[in-house]
Amino acid sequence: METLKTRPDEKARQELADETFMSAADLRTYMTEMQMAKASKSLDGMDRAEKARQDLIKRMAEPIDLTPERLKDILQPLKAKLKAAAERGQTELMVMRFPNTLCTDHGRAINNSDPAWPDTLTGRPRQAYELWRDQLRDAGFKLSALIIEWPGGMPGDVGFFLKWGDTKR
């Protein structure tokens, strides 16, 4: 019976000693460094996302000047999106999404279906509600607001949905 060689000869030892072979400790160190690099990138990404979110909140908190031209610029794409949704057989469309911090109660009234939820809106969400109230409600559109995201189990972003047609199901 022939015995198997389990100890590497000198040539194999040299190959094992070069950088293409890692010891278990080297591999653990490499793995830890890679995980730390991924976590760092993830944190950098989260920092950038939070900064973008804060910039969005700042922009959306400021009402825009609704000149007739600006109103036209808003309503034309909206009509096109509504038409496309209707062609797909849909009876509702999310027309706006915004952070709950643009509600004075952070979305509590919306979450509880409080009839006074529009009173909690600020900035551009308030303007969007007023646009619906003044221009779209009489045309038969309904507007609903829902919390559409629950980060960590807490209310997050709010969505505005325009509804048309038979909404009773």
C-alpha atoms as a PDB file:
ATOM      1  CA  MET A   1       0.000   0.000   0.000  1.00  0.00           C
ATOM      2  CA  GLU A   2       1.317   3.395  -0.983  1.00  0.00           C
ATOM      3  CA  THR A   3       1.382   6.253   1.547  1.00  0.00           C
ATOM      4  CA  LEU A   4       0.096   9.614   0.521  1.00  0.00           C
ATOM      5  CA  LYS A   5       2.377  12.601   0.974  1.00  0.00           C
ATOM      6  CA  THR A   6       0.683  15.163   3.174  1.00  0.00           C
ATOM      7  CA  ARG A   7       3.711  17.327   3.743  1.00  0.00           C
ATOM      8  CA  PRO A   8       4.489  19.609   0.841  1.00  0.00           C
ATOM      9  CA  ASP A   9       7.881  19.365  -0.755  1.00  0.00           C
ATOM     10  CA  GLU A  10      10.121  22.457  -0.998  1.00  0.00           C
ATOM     11  CA  LYS A  11       8.637  23.634  -4.324  1.00  0.00           C
ATOM     12  CA  ALA A  12       5.071  23.335  -2.998  1.00  0.00           C
ATOM     13  CA  ARG A  13       6.125  25.126   0.204  1.00  0.00           C
ATOM     14  CA  GLN A  14       7.377  28.063  -1.832  1.00  0.00           C
ATOM     15  CA  GLU A  15       4.108  28.188  -3.782  1.00  0.00           C
ATOM     16  CA  LEU A  16       2.125  28.125  -0.545  1.00  0.00           C
ATOM     17  CA  ALA A  17       4.258  30.896   0.906  1.00  0.00           C
ATOM     18  CA  ASP A  18       3.653  33.355  -1.926  1.00  0.00           C
ATOM     19  CA  GLU A  19       0.862  35.915  -1.779  1.00  0.00           C
ATOM     20  CA  THR A  20      -1.602  33.775  -3.715  1.00  0.00           C
ATOM     21  CA  PHE A  21      -2.135  31.590  -0.661  1.00  0.00           C
ATOM     22  CA  MET A  22      -3.527  33.039   2.551  1.00  0.00           C
ATOM     23  CA  SER A  23      -3.361  31.513   5.966  1.00  0.00           C
ATOM     24  CA  ALA A  24      -6.596  31.220   7.915  1.00  0.00           C
ATOM     25  CA  ALA A  25      -5.600  34.283   9.959  1.00  0.00           C
ATOM     26  CA  ASP A  26      -4.825  36.241   6.776  1.00  0.00           C
ATOM     27  CA  LEU A  27      -8.153  35.230   5.302  1.00  0.00           C
ATOM     28  CA  ARG A  28     -10.007  36.309   8.483  1.00  0.00           C
ATOM     29  CA  THR A  29      -8.185  39.652   8.434  1.00  0.00           C
ATOM     30  CA  TYR A  30      -9.017  40.110   4.749  1.00  0.00           C
ATOM     31  CA  MET A  31     -12.662  39.223   5.386  1.00  0.00           C
ATOM     32  CA  THR A  32     -12.860  41.709   8.285  1.00  0.00           C
ATOM     33  CA  GLU A  33     -11.291  44.459   6.171  1.00  0.00           C
ATOM     34  CA  MET A  34     -13.730  43.773   3.334  1.00  0.00           C
ATOM     35  CA  GLN A  35     -16.703  43.863   5.713  1.00  0.00           C
ATOM     36  CA  MET A  36     -15.440  47.119   7.214  1.00  0.00           C
ATOM     37  CA  ALA A  37     -15.032  48.619   3.729  1.00  0.00           C
ATOM     38  CA  LYS A  38     -18.576  47.553   2.803  1.00  0.00           C
ATOM     39  CA  ALA A  39     -19.944  48.983   6.058  1.00  0.00           C
ATOM     40  CA  SER A  40     -18.061  52.229   5.449  1.00  0.00           C
ATOM     41  CA  LYS A  41     -19.502  52.473   1.926  1.00  0.00           C
ATOM     42  CA  SER A  42     -22.923  51.693   3.339  1.00  0.00           C
ATOM     43  CA  LEU A  43     -22.557  54.425   5.967  1.00  0.00           C
ATOM     44  CA  ASP A  44     -21.332  56.854   3.321  1.00  0.00           C
ATOM     45  CA  GLY A  45     -24.345  55.921   1.206  1.00  0.00           C
ATOM     46  CA  MET A  46     -26.680  56.384   4.160  1.00  0.00           C
ATOM     47  CA  ASP A  47     -25.091  59.774   4.903  1.00  0.00           C
ATOM     48  CA  ARG A  48     -25.610  60.843   1.285  1.00  0.00           C
ATOM     49  CA  ALA A  49     -29.182  59.544   1.324  1.00  0.00           C
ATOM     50  CA  GLU A  50     -29.946  61.423   4.549  1.00  0.00           C
ATOM     51  CA  LYS A  51     -28.440  64.612   3.129  1.00  0.00           C
ATOM     52  CA  ALA A  52     -30.548  64.213  -0.029  1.00  0.00           C
ATOM     53  CA  ARG A  53     -33.620  63.636   2.140  1.00  0.00           C
ATOM     54  CA  GLN A  54     -32.929  66.789   4.166  1.00  0.00           C
ATOM     55  CA  ASP A  55     -32.429  68.770   0.944  1.00  0.00           C
ATOM     56  CA  LEU A  56     -35.740  67.418  -0.381  1.00  0.00           C
ATOM     57  CA  ILE A  57     -37.547  68.374   2.834  1.00  0.00           C
ATOM     58  CA  LYS A  58     -36.058  71.861   2.666  1.00  0.00           C
ATOM     59  CA  ARG A  59     -37.149  72.306  -0.975  1.00  0.00           C
ATOM     60  CA  MET A  60     -40.628  70.872  -0.423  1.00  0.00           C
ATOM     61  CA  ALA A  61     -41.201  72.983   2.683  1.00  0.00           C
ATOM     62  CA  GLU A  62     -40.986  76.102   0.529  1.00  0.00           C
ATOM     63  CA  PRO A  63     -44.179  76.765  -1.467  1.00  0.00           C
ATOM     64  CA  ILE A  64     -43.692  77.489  -5.150  1.00  0.00           C
ATOM     65  CA  ASP A  65     -45.095  80.496  -6.942  1.00  0.00           C
ATOM     66  CA  LEU A  66     -48.094  79.069  -8.809  1.00  0.00           C
ATOM     67  CA  THR A  67     -48.224  81.373 -11.799  1.00  0.00           C
ATOM     68  CA  PRO A  68     -50.550  80.349 -14.651  1.00  0.00           C
ATOM     69  CA  GLU A  69     -47.492  79.133 -16.605  1.00  0.00           C
ATOM     70  CA  ARG A  70     -46.186  77.104 -13.659  1.00  0.00           C
ATOM     71  CA  LEU A  71     -49.643  75.640 -13.103  1.00  0.00           C
ATOM     72  CA  LYS A  72     -49.760  74.601 -16.761  1.00  0.00           C
ATOM     73  CA  ASP A  73     -46.302  73.003 -16.390  1.00  0.00           C
ATOM     74  CA  ILE A  74     -47.663  70.949 -13.488  1.00  0.00           C
ATOM     75  CA  LEU A  75     -51.048  70.012 -14.957  1.00  0.00           C
ATOM     76  CA  GLN A  76     -49.929  68.918 -18.437  1.00  0.00           C
ATOM     77  CA  PRO A  77     -47.674  66.051 -17.281  1.00  0.00           C
ATOM     78  CA  LEU A  78     -50.254  65.148 -14.634  1.00  0.00           C
ATOM     79  CA  LYS A  79     -52.961  64.801 -17.296  1.00  0.00           C
ATOM     80  CA  ALA A  80     -50.650  62.631 -19.401  1.00  0.00           C
ATOM     81  CA  LYS A  81     -49.909  60.357 -16.418  1.00  0.00           C
ATOM     82  CA  LEU A  82     -53.604  60.100 -15.556  1.00  0.00           C
ATOM     83  CA  LYS A  83     -54.474  59.225 -19.141  1.00  0.00           C
ATOM     84  CA  ALA A  84     -51.749  56.564 -19.295  1.00  0.00           C
ATOM     85  CA  ALA A  85     -52.966  55.051 -16.011  1.00  0.00           C
ATOM     86  CA  ALA A  86     -56.552  54.995 -17.309  1.00  0.00           C
ATOM     87  CA  GLU A  87     -55.372  53.264 -20.492  1.00  0.00           C
ATOM     88  CA  ARG A  88     -53.799  50.571 -18.291  1.00  0.00           C
ATOM     89  CA  GLY A  89     -57.185  50.118 -16.614  1.00  0.00           C
ATOM     90  CA  GLN A  90     -56.136  51.720 -13.336  1.00  0.00           C
ATOM     91  CA  THR A  91     -58.493  53.875 -11.286  1.00  0.00           C
ATOM     92  CA  GLU A  92     -55.904  55.549  -9.088  1.00  0.00           C
ATOM     93  CA  LEU A  93     -52.437  57.025  -9.361  1.00  0.00           C
ATOM     94  CA  MET A  94     -49.899  58.118  -6.773  1.00  0.00           C
ATOM     95  CA  VAL A  95     -49.244  61.730  -7.734  1.00  0.00           C
ATOM     96  CA  MET A  96     -46.976  62.828  -4.898  1.00  0.00           C
ATOM     97  CA  ARG A  97     -44.697  61.306  -2.305  1.00  0.00           C
ATOM     98  CA  PHE A  98     -43.179  63.314   0.509  1.00  0.00           C
ATOM     99  CA  PRO A  99     -41.558  62.870   3.942  1.00  0.00           C
ATOM    100  CA  ASN A 100     -43.986  62.856   6.873  1.00  0.00           C
ATOM    101  CA  THR A 101     -42.029  65.726   8.427  1.00  0.00           C
ATOM    102  CA  LEU A 102     -43.931  67.993   6.037  1.00  0.00           C
ATOM    103  CA  CYS A 103     -47.001  67.319   8.196  1.00  0.00           C
ATOM    104  CA  THR A 104     -47.174  69.236  11.456  1.00  0.00           C
ATOM    105  CA  ASP A 105     -48.007  65.969  13.271  1.00  0.00           C
ATOM    106  CA  HIS A 106     -45.575  63.769  11.275  1.00  0.00           C
ATOM    107  CA  GLY A 107     -48.449  61.986   9.531  1.00  0.00           C
ATOM    108  CA  ARG A 108     -50.446  60.996  12.621  1.00  0.00           C
ATOM    109  CA  ALA A 109     -53.752  62.429  11.309  1.00  0.00           C
ATOM    110  CA  ILE A 110     -53.233  60.750   7.927  1.00  0.00           C
ATOM    111  CA  ASN A 111     -52.449  57.431   9.581  1.00  0.00           C
ATOM    112  CA  ASN A 112     -55.580  57.700  11.756  1.00  0.00           C
ATOM    113  CA  SER A 113     -57.833  58.782   8.844  1.00  0.00           C
ATOM    114  CA  ASP A 114     -58.629  61.980  10.696  1.00  0.00           C
ATOM    115  CA  PRO A 115     -60.918  64.101   8.473  1.00  0.00           C
ATOM    116  CA  ALA A 116     -58.828  67.154   9.407  1.00  0.00           C
ATOM    117  CA  TRP A 117     -55.590  65.658   7.992  1.00  0.00           C
ATOM    118  CA  PRO A 118     -55.278  68.398   5.314  1.00  0.00           C
ATOM    119  CA  ASP A 119     -54.846  70.958   8.103  1.00  0.00           C
ATOM    120  CA  THR A 120     -51.543  69.297   9.040  1.00  0.00           C
ATOM    121  CA  LEU A 121     -49.956  69.771   5.603  1.00  0.00           C
ATOM    122  CA  THR A 122     -47.233  72.347   4.982  1.00  0.00           C
ATOM    123  CA  GLY A 123     -45.253  73.580   1.986  1.00  0.00           C
ATOM    124  CA  ARG A 124     -45.730  71.942  -1.394  1.00  0.00           C
ATOM    125  CA  PRO A 125     -47.898  69.082  -0.095  1.00  0.00           C
ATOM    126  CA  ARG A 126     -50.307  71.755   1.142  1.00  0.00           C
ATOM    127  CA  GLN A 127     -50.240  73.370  -2.295  1.00  0.00           C
ATOM    128  CA  ALA A 128     -50.894  69.998  -3.955  1.00  0.00           C
ATOM    129  CA  TYR A 129     -53.906  69.464  -1.697  1.00  0.00           C
ATOM    130  CA  GLU A 130     -55.189  72.956  -2.529  1.00  0.00           C
ATOM    131  CA  LEU A 131     -54.684  72.291  -6.247  1.00  0.00           C
ATOM    132  CA  TRP A 132     -56.828  69.175  -5.954  1.00  0.00           C
ATOM    133  CA  ARG A 133     -59.429  71.018  -3.851  1.00  0.00           C
ATOM    134  CA  ASP A 134     -59.638  74.016  -6.181  1.00  0.00           C
ATOM    135  CA  GLN A 135     -59.196  72.380  -9.604  1.00  0.00           C
ATOM    136  CA  LEU A 136     -59.617  68.611  -9.582  1.00  0.00           C
ATOM    137  CA  ARG A 137     -62.291  67.821  -6.996  1.00  0.00           C
ATOM    138  CA  ASP A 138     -65.056  69.418  -9.071  1.00  0.00           C
ATOM    139  CA  ALA A 139     -63.873  67.339 -12.052  1.00  0.00           C
ATOM    140  CA  GLY A 140     -64.731  64.183 -10.060  1.00  0.00           C
ATOM    141  CA  PHE A 141     -61.291  63.249  -8.754  1.00  0.00           C
ATOM    142  CA  LYS A 142     -60.896  62.040  -5.193  1.00  0.00           C
ATOM    143  CA  LEU A 143     -57.691  62.505  -3.203  1.00  0.00           C
ATOM    144  CA  SER A 144     -56.466  60.187  -0.511  1.00  0.00           C
ATOM    145  CA  ALA A 145     -53.333  60.342   1.593  1.00  0.00           C
ATOM    146  CA  LEU A 146     -51.665  57.253   3.032  1.00  0.00           C
ATOM    147  CA  ILE A 147     -48.508  56.461   4.927  1.00  0.00           C
ATOM    148  CA  ILE A 148     -46.681  54.371   2.340  1.00  0.00           C
ATOM    149  CA  GLU A 149     -43.490  53.533   4.189  1.00  0.00           C
ATOM    150  CA  TRP A 150     -42.879  52.284   7.729  1.00  0.00           C
ATOM    151  CA  PRO A 151     -39.156  52.481   8.560  1.00  0.00           C
ATOM    152  CA  GLY A 152     -38.505  50.823  11.889  1.00  0.00           C
ATOM    153  CA  GLY A 153     -42.259  50.437  12.420  1.00  0.00           C
ATOM    154  CA  MET A 154     -42.788  54.202  12.503  1.00  0.00           C
ATOM    155  CA  PRO A 155     -44.725  56.270   9.939  1.00  0.00           C
ATOM    156  CA  GLY A 156     -42.515  57.372   7.061  1.00  0.00           C
ATOM    157  CA  ASP A 157     -43.290  58.859   3.678  1.00  0.00           C
ATOM    158  CA  VAL A 158     -46.791  59.944   2.700  1.00  0.00           C
ATOM    159  CA  GLY A 159     -48.338  59.278  -0.692  1.00  0.00           C
ATOM    160  CA  PHE A 160     -51.103  61.301  -2.346  1.00  0.00           C
ATOM    161  CA  PHE A 161     -53.354  59.226  -4.599  1.00  0.00           C
ATOM    162  CA  LEU A 162     -55.779  60.627  -7.142  1.00  0.00           C
ATOM    163  CA  LYS A 163     -58.765  58.331  -7.727  1.00  0.00           C
ATOM    164  CA  TRP A 164     -61.384  58.387 -10.449  1.00  0.00           C
ATOM    165  CA  GLY A 165     -64.144  56.182 -11.755  1.00  0.00           C
ATOM    166  CA  ASP A 166     -65.977  53.746  -9.506  1.00  0.00           C
ATOM    167  CA  THR A 167     -63.794  53.663  -6.394  1.00  0.00           C
ATOM    168  CA  LYS A 168     -66.263  51.529  -4.385  1.00  0.00           C
ATOM    169  CA  ARG A 169     -65.199  47.896  -4.476  1.00  0.00           C
END
